[in-house]
Amino acid sequence: MVFKNTKNDTQALLNTARLYALTDVRADEAAFEKFVSEIIAGGVDIVQLRDKQADDQTLLSRSRILKNSIATSKRNVLFIMNDRPDLAVLAEADGVHIGLEELPVTHVRQIIGSLLLGVSTHTIEQARQAVLDGADYIGAGPVFESKTKAFSKLAGLSYLQEVAVEISIPTFAIGGITEERLEAVLQTGIRRIAISSALLKAENPKETAKRWKKRIDRG
């Protein structure tokens, strides 16, 4: 039996989350299971399944693997599905994350009910609107140029400073954040970080996650 968080659990876990990992489906099920098990053991607080190329069946199969990896780890880690509120419900994820080009927040909320809802934002106006629309957390970025996603314009460190001052819901800085750039991000006042390639391309994902988590916690 797979452990399922309640709404109170998920909100509490979100409030204390610091390191947010985004992963694709990897080469196959075995590689995916190995990777997610390692980053969970390394200390990530949230894992988002994000793969624009994967079909629905693959996403659902990886969801089952991820949920089992979380359950067997004995750690309370949140599972977020990217873009797909329908699959988030089917997979019994803890929440869904959407971009500004996806369905409106109010419509997504009708689909997912009490699941967590995250929204990508690039300006302070978008962040304010996400709060008003009822988002549980936001992603703020892109802070720097990213290897996993192309953007026509960067939000930059100045946007993080605005969010740190004004936005009260949990905010995760995202976009091209490397270990060398982490200190500059933390100096904005944001203490929650989302990373993808830093873990996906790491030789030792577990130790890399541990290192990131330690630095973020240290502030």
C-alpha atoms as a PDB file:
ATOM      1  CA  MET A   1       0.000   0.000   0.000  1.00  0.00           C
ATOM      2  CA  VAL A   2       1.418   3.386  -1.050  1.00  0.00           C
ATOM      3  CA  PHE A   3       1.333   6.148   1.531  1.00  0.00           C
ATOM      4  CA  LYS A   4      -0.792   9.114   0.481  1.00  0.00           C
ATOM      5  CA  ASN A   5      -0.446  12.521   2.059  1.00  0.00           C
ATOM      6  CA  THR A   6      -3.514  14.383   3.279  1.00  0.00           C
ATOM      7  CA  LYS A   7      -4.140  18.048   2.480  1.00  0.00           C
ATOM      8  CA  ASN A   8      -2.795  19.086   5.889  1.00  0.00           C
ATOM      9  CA  ASP A   9       0.279  16.934   5.316  1.00  0.00           C
ATOM     10  CA  THR A  10       0.994  18.359   1.881  1.00  0.00           C
ATOM     11  CA  GLN A  11       0.620  21.962   3.017  1.00  0.00           C
ATOM     12  CA  ALA A  12       2.914  21.373   5.978  1.00  0.00           C
ATOM     13  CA  LEU A  13       5.492  19.669   3.766  1.00  0.00           C
ATOM     14  CA  LEU A  14       5.290  22.482   1.222  1.00  0.00           C
ATOM     15  CA  ASN A  15       5.835  25.081   3.923  1.00  0.00           C
ATOM     16  CA  THR A  16       9.079  23.433   5.007  1.00  0.00           C
ATOM     17  CA  ALA A  17      10.324  22.413   1.531  1.00  0.00           C
ATOM     18  CA  ARG A  18      13.618  23.903   0.367  1.00  0.00           C
ATOM     19  CA  LEU A  19      14.936  21.760  -2.499  1.00  0.00           C
ATOM     20  CA  TYR A  20      12.651  21.030  -5.470  1.00  0.00           C
ATOM     21  CA  ALA A  21      13.819  18.629  -8.190  1.00  0.00           C
ATOM     22  CA  LEU A  22      12.417  18.352 -11.701  1.00  0.00           C
ATOM     23  CA  THR A  23      12.994  15.113 -13.588  1.00  0.00           C
ATOM     24  CA  ASP A  24      12.196  13.643 -16.969  1.00  0.00           C
ATOM     25  CA  VAL A  25      11.231   9.976 -17.411  1.00  0.00           C
ATOM     26  CA  ARG A  26      14.876   8.940 -17.912  1.00  0.00           C
ATOM     27  CA  ALA A  27      15.929   6.262 -20.389  1.00  0.00           C
ATOM     28  CA  ASP A  28      13.806   3.494 -18.888  1.00  0.00           C
ATOM     29  CA  GLU A  29      12.012   2.441 -15.708  1.00  0.00           C
ATOM     30  CA  ALA A  30      15.139   1.094 -14.032  1.00  0.00           C
ATOM     31  CA  ALA A  31      17.088   4.276 -14.668  1.00  0.00           C
ATOM     32  CA  PHE A  32      14.182   6.374 -13.431  1.00  0.00           C
ATOM     33  CA  GLU A  33      13.784   4.355 -10.238  1.00  0.00           C
ATOM     34  CA  LYS A  34      17.521   4.565  -9.516  1.00  0.00           C
ATOM     35  CA  PHE A  35      17.618   8.313 -10.116  1.00  0.00           C
ATOM     36  CA  VAL A  36      14.578   9.283  -8.056  1.00  0.00           C
ATOM     37  CA  SER A  37      15.585   6.973  -5.215  1.00  0.00           C
ATOM     38  CA  GLU A  38      18.999   8.643  -5.095  1.00  0.00           C
ATOM     39  CA  ILE A  39      17.765  12.227  -5.077  1.00  0.00           C
ATOM     40  CA  ILE A  40      15.119  11.412  -2.469  1.00  0.00           C
ATOM     41  CA  ALA A  41      17.808   9.844  -0.276  1.00  0.00           C
ATOM     42  CA  GLY A  42      19.914  12.927  -0.929  1.00  0.00           C
ATOM     43  CA  GLY A  43      17.313  15.190   0.631  1.00  0.00           C
ATOM     44  CA  VAL A  44      15.085  16.682  -2.060  1.00  0.00           C
ATOM     45  CA  ASP A  45      11.746  17.776  -0.618  1.00  0.00           C
ATOM     46  CA  ILE A  46       9.684  17.838  -3.819  1.00  0.00           C
ATOM     47  CA  VAL A  47       9.981  15.864  -7.054  1.00  0.00           C
ATOM     48  CA  GLN A  48       8.203  17.123 -10.149  1.00  0.00           C
ATOM     49  CA  LEU A  49       7.700  14.733 -13.063  1.00  0.00           C
ATOM     50  CA  ARG A  50       8.185  16.868 -16.160  1.00  0.00           C
ATOM     51  CA  ASP A  51       8.663  15.411 -19.630  1.00  0.00           C
ATOM     52  CA  LYS A  52       7.015  17.033 -22.625  1.00  0.00           C
ATOM     53  CA  GLN A  53       7.955  14.151 -24.914  1.00  0.00           C
ATOM     54  CA  ALA A  54       6.603  11.262 -22.822  1.00  0.00           C
ATOM     55  CA  ASP A  55       3.205   9.737 -23.534  1.00  0.00           C
ATOM     56  CA  ASP A  56       0.496   9.398 -20.896  1.00  0.00           C
ATOM     57  CA  GLN A  57       1.138   5.730 -20.169  1.00  0.00           C
ATOM     58  CA  THR A  58       4.817   6.391 -19.569  1.00  0.00           C
ATOM     59  CA  LEU A  59       4.051   9.290 -17.260  1.00  0.00           C
ATOM     60  CA  LEU A  60       1.639   7.161 -15.265  1.00  0.00           C
ATOM     61  CA  SER A  61       4.082   4.254 -15.002  1.00  0.00           C
ATOM     62  CA  ARG A  62       6.822   6.600 -13.808  1.00  0.00           C
ATOM     63  CA  SER A  63       4.349   8.094 -11.347  1.00  0.00           C
ATOM     64  CA  ARG A  64       3.827   4.688  -9.767  1.00  0.00           C
ATOM     65  CA  ILE A  65       7.580   4.188  -9.495  1.00  0.00           C
ATOM     66  CA  LEU A  66       8.064   7.632  -7.964  1.00  0.00           C
ATOM     67  CA  LYS A  67       5.310   7.141  -5.411  1.00  0.00           C
ATOM     68  CA  ASN A  68       6.734   3.773  -4.420  1.00  0.00           C
ATOM     69  CA  SER A  69      10.236   5.234  -4.132  1.00  0.00           C
ATOM     70  CA  ILE A  70       8.911   7.933  -1.821  1.00  0.00           C
ATOM     71  CA  ALA A  71       6.982   5.414   0.285  1.00  0.00           C
ATOM     72  CA  THR A  72       9.923   3.047   0.688  1.00  0.00           C
ATOM     73  CA  SER A  73      12.326   5.893   1.476  1.00  0.00           C
ATOM     74  CA  LYS A  74      10.505   6.663   4.733  1.00  0.00           C
ATOM     75  CA  ARG A  75      10.886  10.367   3.886  1.00  0.00           C
ATOM     76  CA  ASN A  76       7.917  12.686   3.411  1.00  0.00           C
ATOM     77  CA  VAL A  77       8.535  13.958  -0.115  1.00  0.00           C
ATOM     78  CA  LEU A  78       5.950  15.660  -2.311  1.00  0.00           C
ATOM     79  CA  PHE A  79       5.181  14.414  -5.824  1.00  0.00           C
ATOM     80  CA  ILE A  80       4.113  17.075  -8.322  1.00  0.00           C
ATOM     81  CA  MET A  81       2.948  16.410 -11.888  1.00  0.00           C
ATOM     82  CA  ASN A  82       3.875  19.007 -14.495  1.00  0.00           C
ATOM     83  CA  ASP A  83       1.189  20.597 -16.674  1.00  0.00           C
ATOM     84  CA  ARG A  84      -1.325  17.746 -16.511  1.00  0.00           C
ATOM     85  CA  PRO A  85      -4.044  18.161 -13.872  1.00  0.00           C
ATOM     86  CA  ASP A  86      -5.850  15.108 -15.249  1.00  0.00           C
ATOM     87  CA  LEU A  87      -2.812  12.873 -14.824  1.00  0.00           C
ATOM     88  CA  ALA A  88      -2.086  14.392 -11.420  1.00  0.00           C
ATOM     89  CA  VAL A  89      -5.494  13.170 -10.257  1.00  0.00           C
ATOM     90  CA  LEU A  90      -5.140   9.749 -11.899  1.00  0.00           C
ATOM     91  CA  ALA A  91      -1.655   9.256 -10.474  1.00  0.00           C
ATOM     92  CA  GLU A  92      -2.754  10.443  -7.024  1.00  0.00           C
ATOM     93  CA  ALA A  93       0.030  13.018  -7.035  1.00  0.00           C
ATOM     94  CA  ASP A  94       0.285  15.589  -4.261  1.00  0.00           C
ATOM     95  CA  GLY A  95      -0.186  18.391  -6.745  1.00  0.00           C
ATOM     96  CA  VAL A  96       0.273  19.822 -10.219  1.00  0.00           C
ATOM     97  CA  HIS A  97       2.436  22.626 -11.577  1.00  0.00           C
ATOM     98  CA  ILE A  98       1.268  24.735 -14.510  1.00  0.00           C
ATOM     99  CA  GLY A  99       2.727  27.446 -16.706  1.00  0.00           C
ATOM    100  CA  LEU A 100       1.059  30.666 -17.754  1.00  0.00           C
ATOM    101  CA  GLU A 101       0.244  29.140 -21.138  1.00  0.00           C
ATOM    102  CA  GLU A 102      -1.745  26.306 -19.563  1.00  0.00           C
ATOM    103  CA  LEU A 103      -5.342  26.255 -18.306  1.00  0.00           C
ATOM    104  CA  PRO A 104      -6.323  29.135 -15.984  1.00  0.00           C
ATOM    105  CA  VAL A 105      -5.688  28.482 -12.306  1.00  0.00           C
ATOM    106  CA  THR A 106      -9.413  28.542 -11.520  1.00  0.00           C
ATOM    107  CA  HIS A 107     -10.111  25.814 -14.086  1.00  0.00           C
ATOM    108  CA  VAL A 108      -7.223  23.662 -12.899  1.00  0.00           C
ATOM    109  CA  ARG A 109      -8.519  23.958  -9.341  1.00  0.00           C
ATOM    110  CA  GLN A 110     -11.876  22.549 -10.477  1.00  0.00           C
ATOM    111  CA  ILE A 111     -10.060  19.471 -11.774  1.00  0.00           C
ATOM    112  CA  ILE A 112      -7.622  18.823  -8.937  1.00  0.00           C
ATOM    113  CA  GLY A 113      -9.716  19.852  -5.939  1.00  0.00           C
ATOM    114  CA  SER A 114      -7.554  20.128  -2.832  1.00  0.00           C
ATOM    115  CA  LEU A 115      -4.294  19.006  -4.449  1.00  0.00           C
ATOM    116  CA  LEU A 116      -1.419  21.471  -4.338  1.00  0.00           C
ATOM    117  CA  LEU A 117      -1.244  23.905  -7.236  1.00  0.00           C
ATOM    118  CA  GLY A 118       1.956  25.585  -8.356  1.00  0.00           C
ATOM    119  CA  VAL A 119       2.239  28.291 -11.005  1.00  0.00           C
ATOM    120  CA  SER A 120       5.246  29.514 -12.998  1.00  0.00           C
ATOM    121  CA  THR A 121       5.694  33.287 -12.866  1.00  0.00           C
ATOM    122  CA  HIS A 122       8.108  35.679 -14.551  1.00  0.00           C
ATOM    123  CA  THR A 123       7.032  39.089 -13.221  1.00  0.00           C
ATOM    124  CA  ILE A 124       5.783  40.479  -9.930  1.00  0.00           C
ATOM    125  CA  GLU A 125       2.400  41.148 -11.534  1.00  0.00           C
ATOM    126  CA  GLN A 126       2.085  37.482 -12.464  1.00  0.00           C
ATOM    127  CA  ALA A 127       3.102  36.474  -8.951  1.00  0.00           C
ATOM    128  CA  ARG A 128       0.449  38.730  -7.422  1.00  0.00           C
ATOM    129  CA  GLN A 129      -2.189  37.269  -9.744  1.00  0.00           C
ATOM    130  CA  ALA A 130      -1.177  33.713  -8.901  1.00  0.00           C
ATOM    131  CA  VAL A 131      -1.691  34.481  -5.221  1.00  0.00           C
ATOM    132  CA  LEU A 132      -5.086  36.037  -5.910  1.00  0.00           C
ATOM    133  CA  ASP A 133      -6.070  33.022  -8.034  1.00  0.00           C
ATOM    134  CA  GLY A 134      -5.330  30.658  -5.175  1.00  0.00           C
ATOM    135  CA  ALA A 135      -1.978  29.115  -6.080  1.00  0.00           C
ATOM    136  CA  ASP A 136      -0.344  27.225  -3.220  1.00  0.00           C
ATOM    137  CA  TYR A 137       3.164  28.125  -4.372  1.00  0.00           C
ATOM    138  CA  ILE A 138       4.929  29.753  -7.304  1.00  0.00           C
ATOM    139  CA  GLY A 139       8.032  29.173  -9.354  1.00  0.00           C
ATOM    140  CA  ALA A 140       9.952  32.409  -9.940  1.00  0.00           C
ATOM    141  CA  GLY A 141      12.216  32.702 -12.935  1.00  0.00           C
ATOM    142  CA  PRO A 142      13.962  32.080 -15.131  1.00  0.00           C
ATOM    143  CA  VAL A 143      16.742  33.540 -13.010  1.00  0.00           C
ATOM    144  CA  PHE A 144      19.491  32.624 -15.470  1.00  0.00           C
ATOM    145  CA  GLU A 145      19.680  30.996 -18.880  1.00  0.00           C
ATOM    146  CA  SER A 146      18.673  27.348 -18.590  1.00  0.00           C
ATOM    147  CA  LYS A 147      20.003  24.245 -20.332  1.00  0.00           C
ATOM    148  CA  THR A 148      16.621  22.528 -20.162  1.00  0.00           C
ATOM    149  CA  LYS A 149      14.271  25.264 -21.332  1.00  0.00           C
ATOM    150  CA  ALA A 150      14.670  28.285 -23.617  1.00  0.00           C
ATOM    151  CA  PHE A 151      13.258  31.710 -22.670  1.00  0.00           C
ATOM    152  CA  SER A 152      13.095  34.921 -24.656  1.00  0.00           C
ATOM    153  CA  LYS A 153      13.613  37.006 -21.520  1.00  0.00           C
ATOM    154  CA  LEU A 154      15.108  36.408 -18.091  1.00  0.00           C
ATOM    155  CA  ALA A 155      13.333  37.454 -14.903  1.00  0.00           C
ATOM    156  CA  GLY A 156      16.685  37.724 -13.143  1.00  0.00           C
ATOM    157  CA  LEU A 157      17.748  38.244  -9.565  1.00  0.00           C
ATOM    158  CA  SER A 158      15.838  41.512  -9.310  1.00  0.00           C
ATOM    159  CA  TYR A 159      12.552  39.650  -9.684  1.00  0.00           C
ATOM    160  CA  LEU A 160      13.506  37.315  -6.849  1.00  0.00           C
ATOM    161  CA  GLN A 161      14.158  40.332  -4.639  1.00  0.00           C
ATOM    162  CA  GLU A 162      10.682  41.674  -5.394  1.00  0.00           C
ATOM    163  CA  VAL A 163       9.066  38.336  -4.630  1.00  0.00           C
ATOM    164  CA  ALA A 164      11.015  37.885  -1.399  1.00  0.00           C
ATOM    165  CA  VAL A 165       9.657  41.197  -0.130  1.00  0.00           C
ATOM    166  CA  GLU A 166       6.058  40.973  -1.293  1.00  0.00           C
ATOM    167  CA  ILE A 167       4.877  37.385  -1.852  1.00  0.00           C
ATOM    168  CA  SER A 168       3.920  35.341   1.196  1.00  0.00           C
ATOM    169  CA  ILE A 169       3.271  31.912  -0.325  1.00  0.00           C
ATOM    170  CA  PRO A 170       6.239  29.540  -0.858  1.00  0.00           C
ATOM    171  CA  THR A 171       8.367  30.637  -3.803  1.00  0.00           C
ATOM    172  CA  PHE A 172      10.965  28.512  -5.588  1.00  0.00           C
ATOM    173  CA  ALA A 173      13.645  30.194  -7.673  1.00  0.00           C
ATOM    174  CA  ILE A 174      14.193  28.341 -10.941  1.00  0.00           C
ATOM    175  CA  GLY A 175      16.125  28.596 -14.167  1.00  0.00           C
ATOM    176  CA  GLY A 176      19.818  28.016 -14.771  1.00  0.00           C
ATOM    177  CA  ILE A 177      20.752  27.939 -11.086  1.00  0.00           C
ATOM    178  CA  THR A 178      24.128  26.259 -10.607  1.00  0.00           C
ATOM    179  CA  GLU A 179      26.125  25.705  -7.448  1.00  0.00           C
ATOM    180  CA  GLU A 180      28.303  28.650  -8.449  1.00  0.00           C
ATOM    181  CA  ARG A 181      25.244  30.892  -8.768  1.00  0.00           C
ATOM    182  CA  LEU A 182      23.405  29.615  -5.697  1.00  0.00           C
ATOM    183  CA  GLU A 183      24.840  32.143  -3.275  1.00  0.00           C
ATOM    184  CA  ALA A 184      23.665  35.063  -5.426  1.00  0.00           C
ATOM    185  CA  VAL A 185      20.150  33.590  -5.437  1.00  0.00           C
ATOM    186  CA  LEU A 186      20.098  33.087  -1.673  1.00  0.00           C
ATOM    187  CA  GLN A 187      21.204  36.689  -1.156  1.00  0.00           C
ATOM    188  CA  THR A 188      17.921  37.871  -2.723  1.00  0.00           C
ATOM    189  CA  GLY A 189      16.049  36.504   0.279  1.00  0.00           C
ATOM    190  CA  ILE A 190      14.644  33.452  -1.518  1.00  0.00           C
ATOM    191  CA  ARG A 191      15.430  30.252   0.384  1.00  0.00           C
ATOM    192  CA  ARG A 192      13.731  27.702  -1.887  1.00  0.00           C
ATOM    193  CA  ILE A 193      15.421  26.403  -5.010  1.00  0.00           C
ATOM    194  CA  ALA A 194      14.209  24.290  -7.954  1.00  0.00           C
ATOM    195  CA  ILE A 195      16.796  22.475 -10.046  1.00  0.00           C
ATOM    196  CA  SER A 196      16.800  20.032 -12.933  1.00  0.00           C
ATOM    197  CA  SER A 197      19.984  19.597 -14.970  1.00  0.00           C
ATOM    198  CA  ALA A 198      22.174  20.012 -11.871  1.00  0.00           C
ATOM    199  CA  LEU A 199      20.812  16.633 -10.742  1.00  0.00           C
ATOM    200  CA  LEU A 200      19.969  14.997 -14.068  1.00  0.00           C
ATOM    201  CA  LYS A 201      23.558  15.414 -15.289  1.00  0.00           C
ATOM    202  CA  ALA A 202      25.279  14.730 -11.972  1.00  0.00           C
ATOM    203  CA  GLU A 203      27.586  11.725 -11.708  1.00  0.00           C
ATOM    204  CA  ASN A 204      26.326  11.169  -8.171  1.00  0.00           C
ATOM    205  CA  PRO A 205      22.786  12.574  -7.827  1.00  0.00           C
ATOM    206  CA  LYS A 206      22.490  11.577  -4.162  1.00  0.00           C
ATOM    207  CA  GLU A 207      25.620  13.410  -3.047  1.00  0.00           C
ATOM    208  CA  THR A 208      24.799  16.367  -5.284  1.00  0.00           C
ATOM    209  CA  ALA A 209      21.354  16.688  -3.701  1.00  0.00           C
ATOM    210  CA  LYS A 210      22.906  16.465  -0.232  1.00  0.00           C
ATOM    211  CA  ARG A 211      25.339  19.249  -1.084  1.00  0.00           C
ATOM    212  CA  TRP A 212      22.610  21.538  -2.438  1.00  0.00           C
ATOM    213  CA  LYS A 213      20.327  20.871   0.519  1.00  0.00           C
ATOM    214  CA  LYS A 214      23.094  21.639   3.005  1.00  0.00           C
ATOM    215  CA  ARG A 215      23.923  24.935   1.343  1.00  0.00           C
ATOM    216  CA  ILE A 216      20.295  26.012   1.096  1.00  0.00           C
ATOM    217  CA  ASP A 217      19.594  25.109   4.719  1.00  0.00           C
ATOM    218  CA  ARG A 218      22.683  27.024   5.763  1.00  0.00           C
ATOM    219  CA  GLY A 219      21.397  30.001   3.803  1.00  0.00           C
END
